[in-house]
Amino acid sequence: MERLVVAVEKPLKEAVWDCRMCGQCILHSTGLSCPMRCPKNLRNGPCGGVRANGNCEVYPDKRCVWVEAWEGSRRLPVFKDHIEHLQKPVDWQLQGTSSWINLASGRDGVAPKGWEPHASS
């Protein structure tokens, strides 16, 4: 079943969002920009190297994924404050699996072993 779902999900999400199939999709929290496109795999905002023009430190000819995410989140009618939520680290064991199945099964909501979010002040 998963192979069939991945066969549909992967090309669709790659074409629309340049998805990297991390198995833990957070597009709704990142202005419909896939944060896994960041060459540093940052999942909680930009690095300190974003250029003044909004381009990436690693690939200066490309727009920073997180600049795109912030701008995209401002345009969303819902979820626009989700970009400010702390995202758990990527569970690399889910790489290449279906985020749709992982969401339905609750598998994407499990934080990697040893990770605990900081309590908010």
PDB file of N, CA and C in Angstrom:
ATOM      1  N   MET A   1       0.825  -1.200   0.000  1.00  0.00           N
ATOM      2  CA  MET A   1       0.000   0.000   0.000  1.00  0.00           C
ATOM      3  C   MET A   1       0.866   1.260   0.000  1.00  0.00           C
ATOM      4  N   GLU A   2       1.901   1.273   0.872  1.00  0.00           N
ATOM      5  CA  GLU A   2       2.737   2.467   0.960  1.00  0.00           C
ATOM      6  C   GLU A   2       3.425   2.761  -0.371  1.00  0.00           C
ATOM      7  N   ARG A   3       3.880   1.733  -1.060  1.00  0.00           N
ATOM      8  CA  ARG A   3       4.553   1.953  -2.343  1.00  0.00           C
ATOM      9  C   ARG A   3       3.632   2.647  -3.337  1.00  0.00           C
ATOM     10  N   LEU A   4       2.373   2.271  -3.338  1.00  0.00           N
ATOM     11  CA  LEU A   4       1.393   2.888  -4.228  1.00  0.00           C
ATOM     12  C   LEU A   4       1.173   4.352  -3.849  1.00  0.00           C
ATOM     13  N   VAL A   5       1.019   4.625  -2.566  1.00  0.00           N
ATOM     14  CA  VAL A   5       0.807   5.999  -2.106  1.00  0.00           C
ATOM     15  C   VAL A   5       2.033   6.854  -2.429  1.00  0.00           C
ATOM     16  N   VAL A   6       3.229   6.350  -2.168  1.00  0.00           N
ATOM     17  CA  VAL A   6       4.459   7.087  -2.478  1.00  0.00           C
ATOM     18  C   VAL A   6       4.552   7.348  -3.980  1.00  0.00           C
ATOM     19  N   ALA A   7       4.134   6.389  -4.799  1.00  0.00           N
ATOM     20  CA  ALA A   7       4.175   6.552  -6.255  1.00  0.00           C
ATOM     21  C   ALA A   7       3.298   7.708  -6.725  1.00  0.00           C
ATOM     22  N   VAL A   8       2.255   8.029  -5.972  1.00  0.00           N
ATOM     23  CA  VAL A   8       1.387   9.166  -6.289  1.00  0.00           C
ATOM     24  C   VAL A   8       1.889  10.429  -5.590  1.00  0.00           C
ATOM     25  N   GLU A   9       2.187  10.319  -4.301  1.00  0.00           N
ATOM     26  CA  GLU A   9       2.576  11.476  -3.484  1.00  0.00           C
ATOM     27  C   GLU A   9       3.875  12.122  -3.967  1.00  0.00           C
ATOM     28  N   LYS A  10       4.878  11.325  -4.236  1.00  0.00           N
ATOM     29  CA  LYS A  10       6.205  11.851  -4.574  1.00  0.00           C
ATOM     30  C   LYS A  10       6.191  12.741  -5.818  1.00  0.00           C
ATOM     31  N   PRO A  11       5.707  12.276  -6.968  1.00  0.00           N
ATOM     32  CA  PRO A  11       5.743  13.150  -8.143  1.00  0.00           C
ATOM     33  C   PRO A  11       4.848  14.382  -8.001  1.00  0.00           C
ATOM     34  N   LEU A  12       3.716  14.229  -7.321  1.00  0.00           N
ATOM     35  CA  LEU A  12       2.822  15.364  -7.116  1.00  0.00           C
ATOM     36  C   LEU A  12       3.495  16.440  -6.267  1.00  0.00           C
ATOM     37  N   LYS A  13       4.028  16.036  -5.116  1.00  0.00           N
ATOM     38  CA  LYS A  13       4.637  17.003  -4.204  1.00  0.00           C
ATOM     39  C   LYS A  13       5.959  17.557  -4.744  1.00  0.00           C
ATOM     40  N   GLU A  14       6.704  16.757  -5.502  1.00  0.00           N
ATOM     41  CA  GLU A  14       7.926  17.273  -6.129  1.00  0.00           C
ATOM     42  C   GLU A  14       7.585  18.359  -7.139  1.00  0.00           C
ATOM     43  N   ALA A  15       6.559  18.124  -7.955  1.00  0.00           N
ATOM     44  CA  ALA A  15       6.175  19.081  -8.991  1.00  0.00           C
ATOM     45  C   ALA A  15       5.642  20.386  -8.406  1.00  0.00           C
ATOM     46  N   VAL A  16       4.863  20.293  -7.354  1.00  0.00           N
ATOM     47  CA  VAL A  16       4.220  21.482  -6.790  1.00  0.00           C
ATOM     48  C   VAL A  16       5.108  22.211  -5.783  1.00  0.00           C
ATOM     49  N   TRP A  17       5.771  21.475  -4.887  1.00  0.00           N
ATOM     50  CA  TRP A  17       6.519  22.107  -3.799  1.00  0.00           C
ATOM     51  C   TRP A  17       8.002  21.773  -3.782  1.00  0.00           C
ATOM     52  N   ASP A  18       8.507  21.100  -4.796  1.00  0.00           N
ATOM     53  CA  ASP A  18       9.906  20.658  -4.822  1.00  0.00           C
ATOM     54  C   ASP A  18      10.223  19.863  -3.550  1.00  0.00           C
ATOM     55  N   CYS A  19       9.297  18.981  -3.210  1.00  0.00           N
ATOM     56  CA  CYS A  19       9.344  18.172  -1.986  1.00  0.00           C
ATOM     57  C   CYS A  19      10.541  17.234  -1.975  1.00  0.00           C
ATOM     58  N   ARG A  20      11.092  17.000  -0.784  1.00  0.00           N
ATOM     59  CA  ARG A  20      12.219  16.088  -0.595  1.00  0.00           C
ATOM     60  C   ARG A  20      11.824  14.778   0.072  1.00  0.00           C
ATOM     61  N   MET A  21      10.509  14.565   0.285  1.00  0.00           N
ATOM     62  CA  MET A  21       9.979  13.310   0.842  1.00  0.00           C
ATOM     63  C   MET A  21      10.628  12.944   2.179  1.00  0.00           C
ATOM     64  N   CYS A  22      10.612  13.889   3.113  1.00  0.00           N
ATOM     65  CA  CYS A  22      11.172  13.625   4.439  1.00  0.00           C
ATOM     66  C   CYS A  22      10.266  12.714   5.263  1.00  0.00           C
ATOM     67  N   GLY A  23       8.998  12.602   4.851  1.00  0.00           N
ATOM     68  CA  GLY A  23       8.058  11.760   5.580  1.00  0.00           C
ATOM     69  C   GLY A  23       7.382  12.465   6.738  1.00  0.00           C
ATOM     70  N   GLN A  24       7.703  13.752   6.937  1.00  0.00           N
ATOM     71  CA  GLN A  24       7.154  14.532   8.054  1.00  0.00           C
ATOM     72  C   GLN A  24       6.809  15.925   7.568  1.00  0.00           C
ATOM     73  N   CYS A  25       5.900  16.014   6.633  1.00  0.00           N
ATOM     74  CA  CYS A  25       5.594  17.260   5.938  1.00  0.00           C
ATOM     75  C   CYS A  25       5.073  18.340   6.895  1.00  0.00           C
ATOM     76  N   ILE A  26       5.662  19.529   6.781  1.00  0.00           N
ATOM     77  CA  ILE A  26       5.211  20.671   7.582  1.00  0.00           C
ATOM     78  C   ILE A  26       4.919  21.872   6.685  1.00  0.00           C
ATOM     79  N   LEU A  27       4.540  21.614   5.423  1.00  0.00           N
ATOM     80  CA  LEU A  27       4.278  22.697   4.475  1.00  0.00           C
ATOM     81  C   LEU A  27       3.302  23.731   5.022  1.00  0.00           C
ATOM     82  N   HIS A  28       2.284  23.289   5.750  1.00  0.00           N
ATOM     83  CA  HIS A  28       1.302  24.232   6.293  1.00  0.00           C
ATOM     84  C   HIS A  28       1.939  25.175   7.318  1.00  0.00           C
ATOM     85  N   SER A  29       3.047  24.766   7.913  1.00  0.00           N
ATOM     86  CA  SER A  29       3.734  25.593   8.913  1.00  0.00           C
ATOM     87  C   SER A  29       4.825  26.463   8.306  1.00  0.00           C
ATOM     88  N   THR A  30       5.116  26.255   7.034  1.00  0.00           N
ATOM     89  CA  THR A  30       6.232  26.970   6.407  1.00  0.00           C
ATOM     90  C   THR A  30       5.801  27.672   5.126  1.00  0.00           C
ATOM     91  N   GLY A  31       4.600  28.204   5.121  1.00  0.00           N
ATOM     92  CA  GLY A  31       4.137  28.985   3.982  1.00  0.00           C
ATOM     93  C   GLY A  31       4.132  28.224   2.674  1.00  0.00           C
ATOM     94  N   LEU A  32       3.951  26.911   2.734  1.00  0.00           N
ATOM     95  CA  LEU A  32       3.954  26.017   1.575  1.00  0.00           C
ATOM     96  C   LEU A  32       5.315  25.957   0.887  1.00  0.00           C
ATOM     97  N   SER A  33       6.376  26.226   1.647  1.00  0.00           N
ATOM     98  CA  SER A  33       7.754  26.058   1.171  1.00  0.00           C
ATOM     99  C   SER A  33       8.344  24.859   1.895  1.00  0.00           C
ATOM    100  N   CYS A  34       8.922  23.929   1.155  1.00  0.00           N
ATOM    101  CA  CYS A  34       9.502  22.748   1.793  1.00  0.00           C
ATOM    102  C   CYS A  34      10.834  23.122   2.447  1.00  0.00           C
ATOM    103  N   PRO A  35      10.920  23.079   3.786  1.00  0.00           N
ATOM    104  CA  PRO A  35      12.161  23.467   4.456  1.00  0.00           C
ATOM    105  C   PRO A  35      13.314  22.505   4.186  1.00  0.00           C
ATOM    106  N   MET A  36      13.003  21.308   3.718  1.00  0.00           N
ATOM    107  CA  MET A  36      14.061  20.340   3.433  1.00  0.00           C
ATOM    108  C   MET A  36      14.838  20.716   2.172  1.00  0.00           C
ATOM    109  N   ARG A  37      14.387  21.736   1.460  1.00  0.00           N
ATOM    110  CA  ARG A  37      15.157  22.260   0.325  1.00  0.00           C
ATOM    111  C   ARG A  37      16.343  23.084   0.804  1.00  0.00           C
ATOM    112  N   CYS A  38      16.356  23.471   2.068  1.00  0.00           N
ATOM    113  CA  CYS A  38      17.489  24.215   2.624  1.00  0.00           C
ATOM    114  C   CYS A  38      18.721  23.317   2.560  1.00  0.00           C
ATOM    115  N   PRO A  39      19.829  23.795   1.973  1.00  0.00           N
ATOM    116  CA  PRO A  39      21.018  22.946   1.868  1.00  0.00           C
ATOM    117  C   PRO A  39      21.600  22.553   3.225  1.00  0.00           C
ATOM    118  N   LYS A  40      21.218  23.272   4.273  1.00  0.00           N
ATOM    119  CA  LYS A  40      21.687  22.938   5.622  1.00  0.00           C
ATOM    120  C   LYS A  40      20.651  22.108   6.388  1.00  0.00           C
ATOM    121  N   ASN A  41      19.549  21.759   5.709  1.00  0.00           N
ATOM    122  CA  ASN A  41      18.465  20.972   6.317  1.00  0.00           C
ATOM    123  C   ASN A  41      17.908  21.616   7.579  1.00  0.00           C
ATOM    124  N   LEU A  42      17.834  22.939   7.597  1.00  0.00           N
ATOM    125  CA  LEU A  42      17.303  23.638   8.766  1.00  0.00           C
ATOM    126  C   LEU A  42      15.784  23.592   8.746  1.00  0.00           C
ATOM    127  N   ARG A  43      15.211  23.222   9.850  1.00  0.00           N
ATOM    128  CA  ARG A  43      13.769  23.028   9.947  1.00  0.00           C
ATOM    129  C   ARG A  43      13.091  24.077  10.829  1.00  0.00           C
ATOM    130  N   ASN A  44      13.874  24.971  11.430  1.00  0.00           N
ATOM    131  CA  ASN A  44      13.308  25.960  12.346  1.00  0.00           C
ATOM    132  C   ASN A  44      13.771  27.374  12.047  1.00  0.00           C
ATOM    133  N   GLY A  45      13.853  27.715  10.798  1.00  0.00           N
ATOM    134  CA  GLY A  45      14.212  29.075  10.431  1.00  0.00           C
ATOM    135  C   GLY A  45      15.566  29.163   9.765  1.00  0.00           C
ATOM    136  N   PRO A  46      15.880  30.349   9.278  1.00  0.00           N
ATOM    137  CA  PRO A  46      17.092  30.525   8.482  1.00  0.00           C
ATOM    138  C   PRO A  46      18.368  30.490   9.316  1.00  0.00           C
ATOM    139  N   CYS A  47      19.450  30.195   8.629  1.00  0.00           N
ATOM    140  CA  CYS A  47      20.767  30.255   9.264  1.00  0.00           C
ATOM    141  C   CYS A  47      21.173  31.729   9.378  1.00  0.00           C
ATOM    142  N   GLY A  48      22.307  31.987   9.912  1.00  0.00           N
ATOM    143  CA  GLY A  48      22.785  33.363  10.034  1.00  0.00           C
ATOM    144  C   GLY A  48      23.383  33.903   8.752  1.00  0.00           C
ATOM    145  N   GLY A  49      23.368  33.114   7.692  1.00  0.00           N
ATOM    146  CA  GLY A  49      24.036  33.519   6.463  1.00  0.00           C
ATOM    147  C   GLY A  49      23.130  33.981   5.345  1.00  0.00           C
ATOM    148  N   VAL A  50      21.856  34.253   5.645  1.00  0.00           N
ATOM    149  CA  VAL A  50      20.960  34.745   4.599  1.00  0.00           C
ATOM    150  C   VAL A  50      21.510  36.075   4.097  1.00  0.00           C
ATOM    151  N   ARG A  51      21.616  36.205   2.800  1.00  0.00           N
ATOM    152  CA  ARG A  51      22.171  37.425   2.205  1.00  0.00           C
ATOM    153  C   ARG A  51      21.175  38.575   2.283  1.00  0.00           C
ATOM    154  N   ALA A  52      21.681  39.787   2.171  1.00  0.00           N
ATOM    155  CA  ALA A  52      20.846  40.985   2.272  1.00  0.00           C
ATOM    156  C   ALA A  52      19.719  40.981   1.236  1.00  0.00           C
ATOM    157  N   ASN A  53      19.954  40.346   0.095  1.00  0.00           N
ATOM    158  CA  ASN A  53      18.922  40.301  -0.948  1.00  0.00           C
ATOM    159  C   ASN A  53      17.932  39.150  -0.739  1.00  0.00           C
ATOM    160  N   GLY A  54      18.079  38.399   0.366  1.00  0.00           N
ATOM    161  CA  GLY A  54      17.180  37.293   0.666  1.00  0.00           C
ATOM    162  C   GLY A  54      17.601  35.973   0.052  1.00  0.00           C
ATOM    163  N   ASN A  55      18.783  35.940  -0.535  1.00  0.00           N
ATOM    164  CA  ASN A  55      19.259  34.703  -1.153  1.00  0.00           C
ATOM    165  C   ASN A  55      20.043  33.854  -0.165  1.00  0.00           C
ATOM    166  N   CYS A  56      20.251  32.611  -0.555  1.00  0.00           N
ATOM    167  CA  CYS A  56      20.904  31.592   0.260  1.00  0.00           C
ATOM    168  C   CYS A  56      22.410  31.830   0.370  1.00  0.00           C
ATOM    169  N   GLU A  57      22.951  31.540   1.539  1.00  0.00           N
ATOM    170  CA  GLU A  57      24.390  31.635   1.760  1.00  0.00           C
ATOM    171  C   GLU A  57      25.136  30.581   0.941  1.00  0.00           C
ATOM    172  N   VAL A  58      24.605  29.379   0.866  1.00  0.00           N
ATOM    173  CA  VAL A  58      25.271  28.269   0.184  1.00  0.00           C
ATOM    174  C   VAL A  58      25.137  28.390  -1.330  1.00  0.00           C
ATOM    175  N   TYR A  59      23.926  28.728  -1.796  1.00  0.00           N
ATOM    176  CA  TYR A  59      23.659  28.891  -3.232  1.00  0.00           C
ATOM    177  C   TYR A  59      23.204  30.326  -3.475  1.00  0.00           C
ATOM    178  N   PRO A  60      24.139  31.257  -3.660  1.00  0.00           N
ATOM    179  CA  PRO A  60      23.812  32.681  -3.757  1.00  0.00           C
ATOM    180  C   PRO A  60      22.842  33.050  -4.876  1.00  0.00           C
ATOM    181  N   ASP A  61      22.690  32.190  -5.875  1.00  0.00           N
ATOM    182  CA  ASP A  61      21.767  32.489  -6.969  1.00  0.00           C
ATOM    183  C   ASP A  61      20.337  32.039  -6.663  1.00  0.00           C
ATOM    184  N   LYS A  62      20.124  31.392  -5.503  1.00  0.00           N
ATOM    185  CA  LYS A  62      18.795  30.909  -5.126  1.00  0.00           C
ATOM    186  C   LYS A  62      18.261  31.676  -3.926  1.00  0.00           C
ATOM    187  N   ARG A  63      16.959  31.846  -3.902  1.00  0.00           N
ATOM    188  CA  ARG A  63      16.270  32.494  -2.784  1.00  0.00           C
ATOM    189  C   ARG A  63      16.348  31.575  -1.561  1.00  0.00           C
ATOM    190  N   CYS A  64      16.552  32.146  -0.398  1.00  0.00           N
ATOM    191  CA  CYS A  64      16.561  31.367   0.841  1.00  0.00           C
ATOM    192  C   CYS A  64      15.178  30.743   1.046  1.00  0.00           C
ATOM    193  N   VAL A  65      15.166  29.457   1.318  1.00  0.00           N
ATOM    194  CA  VAL A  65      13.919  28.730   1.548  1.00  0.00           C
ATOM    195  C   VAL A  65      13.124  29.387   2.671  1.00  0.00           C
ATOM    196  N   TRP A  66      13.814  29.881   3.681  1.00  0.00           N
ATOM    197  CA  TRP A  66      13.123  30.460   4.830  1.00  0.00           C
ATOM    198  C   TRP A  66      12.588  31.852   4.558  1.00  0.00           C
ATOM    199  N   VAL A  67      13.194  32.587   3.642  1.00  0.00           N
ATOM    200  CA  VAL A  67      12.609  33.860   3.200  1.00  0.00           C
ATOM    201  C   VAL A  67      11.307  33.547   2.460  1.00  0.00           C
ATOM    202  N   GLU A  68      11.354  32.539   1.581  1.00  0.00           N
ATOM    203  CA  GLU A  68      10.141  32.105   0.876  1.00  0.00           C
ATOM    204  C   GLU A  68       9.074  31.636   1.869  1.00  0.00           C
ATOM    205  N   ALA A  69       9.491  30.898   2.878  1.00  0.00           N
ATOM    206  CA  ALA A  69       8.548  30.375   3.872  1.00  0.00           C
ATOM    207  C   ALA A  69       7.863  31.513   4.626  1.00  0.00           C
ATOM    208  N   TRP A  70       8.632  32.499   5.052  1.00  0.00           N
ATOM    209  CA  TRP A  70       8.051  33.625   5.788  1.00  0.00           C
ATOM    210  C   TRP A  70       7.065  34.389   4.915  1.00  0.00           C
ATOM    211  N   GLU A  71       7.488  34.693   3.685  1.00  0.00           N
ATOM    212  CA  GLU A  71       6.607  35.424   2.773  1.00  0.00           C
ATOM    213  C   GLU A  71       5.346  34.614   2.471  1.00  0.00           C
ATOM    214  N   GLY A  72       5.509  33.316   2.248  1.00  0.00           N
ATOM    215  CA  GLY A  72       4.361  32.452   1.975  1.00  0.00           C
ATOM    216  C   GLY A  72       3.414  32.360   3.155  1.00  0.00           C
ATOM    217  N   SER A  73       3.958  32.301   4.352  1.00  0.00           N
ATOM    218  CA  SER A  73       3.104  32.184   5.543  1.00  0.00           C
ATOM    219  C   SER A  73       2.261  33.441   5.746  1.00  0.00           C
ATOM    220  N   ARG A  74       2.773  34.583   5.350  1.00  0.00           N
ATOM    221  CA  ARG A  74       2.018  35.830   5.488  1.00  0.00           C
ATOM    222  C   ARG A  74       0.823  35.857   4.531  1.00  0.00           C
ATOM    223  N   ARG A  75       0.904  35.103   3.435  1.00  0.00           N
ATOM    224  CA  ARG A  75      -0.177  35.081   2.442  1.00  0.00           C
ATOM    225  C   ARG A  75      -1.259  34.039   2.748  1.00  0.00           C
ATOM    226  N   LEU A  76      -0.981  33.109   3.650  1.00  0.00           N
ATOM    227  CA  LEU A  76      -1.950  32.050   3.948  1.00  0.00           C
ATOM    228  C   LEU A  76      -3.114  32.590   4.776  1.00  0.00           C
ATOM    229  N   PRO A  77      -4.337  32.195   4.436  1.00  0.00           N
ATOM    230  CA  PRO A  77      -5.475  32.647   5.231  1.00  0.00           C
ATOM    231  C   PRO A  77      -5.547  31.959   6.598  1.00  0.00           C
ATOM    232  N   VAL A  78      -4.951  30.771   6.711  1.00  0.00           N
ATOM    233  CA  VAL A  78      -4.891  30.035   7.978  1.00  0.00           C
ATOM    234  C   VAL A  78      -3.458  29.570   8.189  1.00  0.00           C
ATOM    235  N   PHE A  79      -3.135  29.170   9.370  1.00  0.00           N
ATOM    236  CA  PHE A  79      -1.812  28.642   9.732  1.00  0.00           C
ATOM    237  C   PHE A  79      -0.691  29.686   9.683  1.00  0.00           C
ATOM    238  N   LYS A  80      -0.978  30.959   9.460  1.00  0.00           N
ATOM    239  CA  LYS A  80       0.118  31.923   9.279  1.00  0.00           C
ATOM    240  C   LYS A  80       1.000  32.073  10.512  1.00  0.00           C
ATOM    241  N   ASP A  81       0.471  31.783  11.704  1.00  0.00           N
ATOM    242  CA  ASP A  81       1.305  31.872  12.905  1.00  0.00           C
ATOM    243  C   ASP A  81       2.110  30.593  13.150  1.00  0.00           C
ATOM    244  N   HIS A  82       1.845  29.538  12.402  1.00  0.00           N
ATOM    245  CA  HIS A  82       2.550  28.264  12.609  1.00  0.00           C
ATOM    246  C   HIS A  82       4.032  28.356  12.277  1.00  0.00           C
ATOM    247  N   ILE A  83       4.428  29.328  11.489  1.00  0.00           N
ATOM    248  CA  ILE A  83       5.849  29.462  11.156  1.00  0.00           C
ATOM    249  C   ILE A  83       6.661  29.798  12.409  1.00  0.00           C
ATOM    250  N   GLU A  84       5.995  30.295  13.430  1.00  0.00           N
ATOM    251  CA  GLU A  84       6.677  30.649  14.672  1.00  0.00           C
ATOM    252  C   GLU A  84       6.754  29.476  15.655  1.00  0.00           C
ATOM    253  N   HIS A  85       6.146  28.345  15.321  1.00  0.00           N
ATOM    254  CA  HIS A  85       6.173  27.163  16.193  1.00  0.00           C
ATOM    255  C   HIS A  85       7.485  26.404  16.021  1.00  0.00           C
ATOM    256  N   LEU A  86       8.009  25.913  17.125  1.00  0.00           N
ATOM    257  CA  LEU A  86       9.224  25.102  17.094  1.00  0.00           C
ATOM    258  C   LEU A  86       8.900  23.735  16.505  1.00  0.00           C
ATOM    259  N   GLN A  87       9.635  23.355  15.481  1.00  0.00           N
ATOM    260  CA  GLN A  87       9.442  22.048  14.845  1.00  0.00           C
ATOM    261  C   GLN A  87      10.415  21.044  15.443  1.00  0.00           C
ATOM    262  N   LYS A  88       9.946  19.837  15.637  1.00  0.00           N
ATOM    263  CA  LYS A  88      10.844  18.797  16.150  1.00  0.00           C
ATOM    264  C   LYS A  88      11.862  18.436  15.067  1.00  0.00           C
ATOM    265  N   PRO A  89      12.997  17.878  15.456  1.00  0.00           N
ATOM    266  CA  PRO A  89      14.002  17.476  14.470  1.00  0.00           C
ATOM    267  C   PRO A  89      13.453  16.411  13.517  1.00  0.00           C
ATOM    268  N   VAL A  90      14.062  16.332  12.369  1.00  0.00           N
ATOM    269  CA  VAL A  90      13.678  15.331  11.378  1.00  0.00           C
ATOM    270  C   VAL A  90      14.048  13.941  11.883  1.00  0.00           C
ATOM    271  N   ASP A  91      13.131  13.023  11.731  1.00  0.00           N
ATOM    272  CA  ASP A  91      13.416  11.618  12.004  1.00  0.00           C
ATOM    273  C   ASP A  91      13.829  11.014  10.663  1.00  0.00           C
ATOM    274  N   TRP A  92      15.125  10.867  10.460  1.00  0.00           N
ATOM    275  CA  TRP A  92      15.648  10.428   9.170  1.00  0.00           C
ATOM    276  C   TRP A  92      15.213   9.019   8.813  1.00  0.00           C
ATOM    277  N   GLN A  93      14.684   8.265   9.764  1.00  0.00           N
ATOM    278  CA  GLN A  93      14.161   6.931   9.455  1.00  0.00           C
ATOM    279  C   GLN A  93      12.906   7.009   8.582  1.00  0.00           C
ATOM    280  N   LEU A  94      12.260   8.175   8.571  1.00  0.00           N
ATOM    281  CA  LEU A  94      11.049   8.348   7.771  1.00  0.00           C
ATOM    282  C   LEU A  94      11.345   8.872   6.367  1.00  0.00           C
ATOM    283  N   GLN A  95      12.592   9.212   6.076  1.00  0.00           N
ATOM    284  CA  GLN A  95      12.976   9.723   4.757  1.00  0.00           C
ATOM    285  C   GLN A  95      12.506   8.764   3.664  1.00  0.00           C
ATOM    286  N   GLY A  96      11.808   9.306   2.664  1.00  0.00           N
ATOM    287  CA  GLY A  96      11.339   8.503   1.539  1.00  0.00           C
ATOM    288  C   GLY A  96      10.007   7.816   1.762  1.00  0.00           C
ATOM    289  N   THR A  97       9.451   7.958   2.958  1.00  0.00           N
ATOM    290  CA  THR A  97       8.144   7.356   3.235  1.00  0.00           C
ATOM    291  C   THR A  97       7.046   8.382   2.981  1.00  0.00           C
ATOM    292  N   SER A  98       5.820   7.937   2.971  1.00  0.00           N
ATOM    293  CA  SER A  98       4.682   8.804   2.696  1.00  0.00           C
ATOM    294  C   SER A  98       4.306   9.630   3.922  1.00  0.00           C
ATOM    295  N   SER A  99       4.358  10.939   3.783  1.00  0.00           N
ATOM    296  CA  SER A  99       3.931  11.789   4.901  1.00  0.00           C
ATOM    297  C   SER A  99       2.423  11.675   5.099  1.00  0.00           C
ATOM    298  N   TRP A 100       1.694  11.350   4.053  1.00  0.00           N
ATOM    299  CA  TRP A 100       0.244  11.176   4.177  1.00  0.00           C
ATOM    300  C   TRP A 100      -0.063   9.988   5.086  1.00  0.00           C
ATOM    301  N   ILE A 101       0.605   8.884   4.843  1.00  0.00           N
ATOM    302  CA  ILE A 101       0.409   7.697   5.690  1.00  0.00           C
ATOM    303  C   ILE A 101       0.937   7.963   7.095  1.00  0.00           C
ATOM    304  N   ASN A 102       2.083   8.614   7.190  1.00  0.00           N
ATOM    305  CA  ASN A 102       2.669   8.907   8.503  1.00  0.00           C
ATOM    306  C   ASN A 102       1.773   9.831   9.317  1.00  0.00           C
ATOM    307  N   LEU A 103       1.118  10.782   8.667  1.00  0.00           N
ATOM    308  CA  LEU A 103       0.182  11.669   9.357  1.00  0.00           C
ATOM    309  C   LEU A 103      -1.030  10.877   9.847  1.00  0.00           C
ATOM    310  N   ALA A 104      -1.596  10.066   8.977  1.00  0.00           N
ATOM    311  CA  ALA A 104      -2.783   9.279   9.336  1.00  0.00           C
ATOM    312  C   ALA A 104      -2.496   8.290  10.467  1.00  0.00           C
ATOM    313  N   SER A 105      -1.288   7.749  10.490  1.00  0.00           N
ATOM    314  CA  SER A 105      -0.938   6.753  11.512  1.00  0.00           C
ATOM    315  C   SER A 105      -0.370   7.379  12.787  1.00  0.00           C
ATOM    316  N   GLY A 106      -0.058   8.682  12.733  1.00  0.00           N
ATOM    317  CA  GLY A 106       0.542   9.353  13.884  1.00  0.00           C
ATOM    318  C   GLY A 106       2.049   9.190  13.959  1.00  0.00           C
ATOM    319  N   ARG A 107       2.611   8.506  12.997  1.00  0.00           N
ATOM    320  CA  ARG A 107       4.056   8.245  12.993  1.00  0.00           C
ATOM    321  C   ARG A 107       4.880   9.527  12.843  1.00  0.00           C
ATOM    322  N   ASP A 108       4.339  10.518  12.122  1.00  0.00           N
ATOM    323  CA  ASP A 108       5.086  11.759  11.922  1.00  0.00           C
ATOM    324  C   ASP A 108       5.074  12.651  13.160  1.00  0.00           C
ATOM    325  N   GLY A 109       4.214  12.359  14.117  1.00  0.00           N
ATOM    326  CA  GLY A 109       4.130  13.166  15.325  1.00  0.00           C
ATOM    327  C   GLY A 109       5.059  12.722  16.439  1.00  0.00           C
ATOM    328  N   VAL A 110       5.793  11.659  16.206  1.00  0.00           N
ATOM    329  CA  VAL A 110       6.702  11.128  17.218  1.00  0.00           C
ATOM    330  C   VAL A 110       8.063  11.784  17.047  1.00  0.00           C
ATOM    331  N   ALA A 111       8.542  12.430  18.105  1.00  0.00           N
ATOM    332  CA  ALA A 111       9.855  13.081  18.051  1.00  0.00           C
ATOM    333  C   ALA A 111      10.955  12.030  18.111  1.00  0.00           C
ATOM    334  N   PRO A 112      12.083  12.314  17.468  1.00  0.00           N
ATOM    335  CA  PRO A 112      13.210  11.381  17.571  1.00  0.00           C
ATOM    336  C   PRO A 112      13.590  11.154  19.032  1.00  0.00           C
ATOM    337  N   LYS A 113      14.047   9.970  19.336  1.00  0.00           N
ATOM    338  CA  LYS A 113      14.408   9.591  20.700  1.00  0.00           C
ATOM    339  C   LYS A 113      15.408  10.594  21.288  1.00  0.00           C
ATOM    340  N   GLY A 114      15.141  11.012  22.517  1.00  0.00           N
ATOM    341  CA  GLY A 114      16.045  11.917  23.215  1.00  0.00           C
ATOM    342  C   GLY A 114      15.743  13.393  23.026  1.00  0.00           C
ATOM    343  N   TRP A 115      14.778  13.727  22.165  1.00  0.00           N
ATOM    344  CA  TRP A 115      14.475  15.133  21.938  1.00  0.00           C
ATOM    345  C   TRP A 115      13.285  15.557  22.768  1.00  0.00           C
ATOM    346  N   GLU A 116      13.451  16.638  23.489  1.00  0.00           N
ATOM    347  CA  GLU A 116      12.367  17.226  24.260  1.00  0.00           C
ATOM    348  C   GLU A 116      12.340  18.716  23.966  1.00  0.00           C
ATOM    349  N   PRO A 117      11.173  19.261  23.631  1.00  0.00           N
ATOM    350  CA  PRO A 117      11.097  20.703  23.393  1.00  0.00           C
ATOM    351  C   PRO A 117      11.302  21.468  24.693  1.00  0.00           C
ATOM    352  N   HIS A 118      11.852  22.661  24.579  1.00  0.00           N
ATOM    353  CA  HIS A 118      12.010  23.524  25.749  1.00  0.00           C
ATOM    354  C   HIS A 118      10.649  24.049  26.169  1.00  0.00           C
ATOM    355  N   ALA A 119      10.449  24.183  27.435  1.00  0.00           N
ATOM    356  CA  ALA A 119       9.199  24.758  27.936  1.00  0.00           C
ATOM    357  C   ALA A 119       9.157  26.227  27.555  1.00  0.00           C
ATOM    358  N   SER A 120       7.985  26.700  27.142  1.00  0.00           N
ATOM    359  CA  SER A 120       7.871  28.114  26.773  1.00  0.00           C
ATOM    360  C   SER A 120       7.779  28.959  28.037  1.00  0.00           C
ATOM    361  N   SER A 121       8.303  30.151  27.945  1.00  0.00           N
ATOM    362  CA  SER A 121       8.323  31.055  29.107  1.00  0.00           C
ATOM    363  C   SER A 121       7.022  31.769  29.261  1.00  0.00           C
TER     364      SER A 121
END
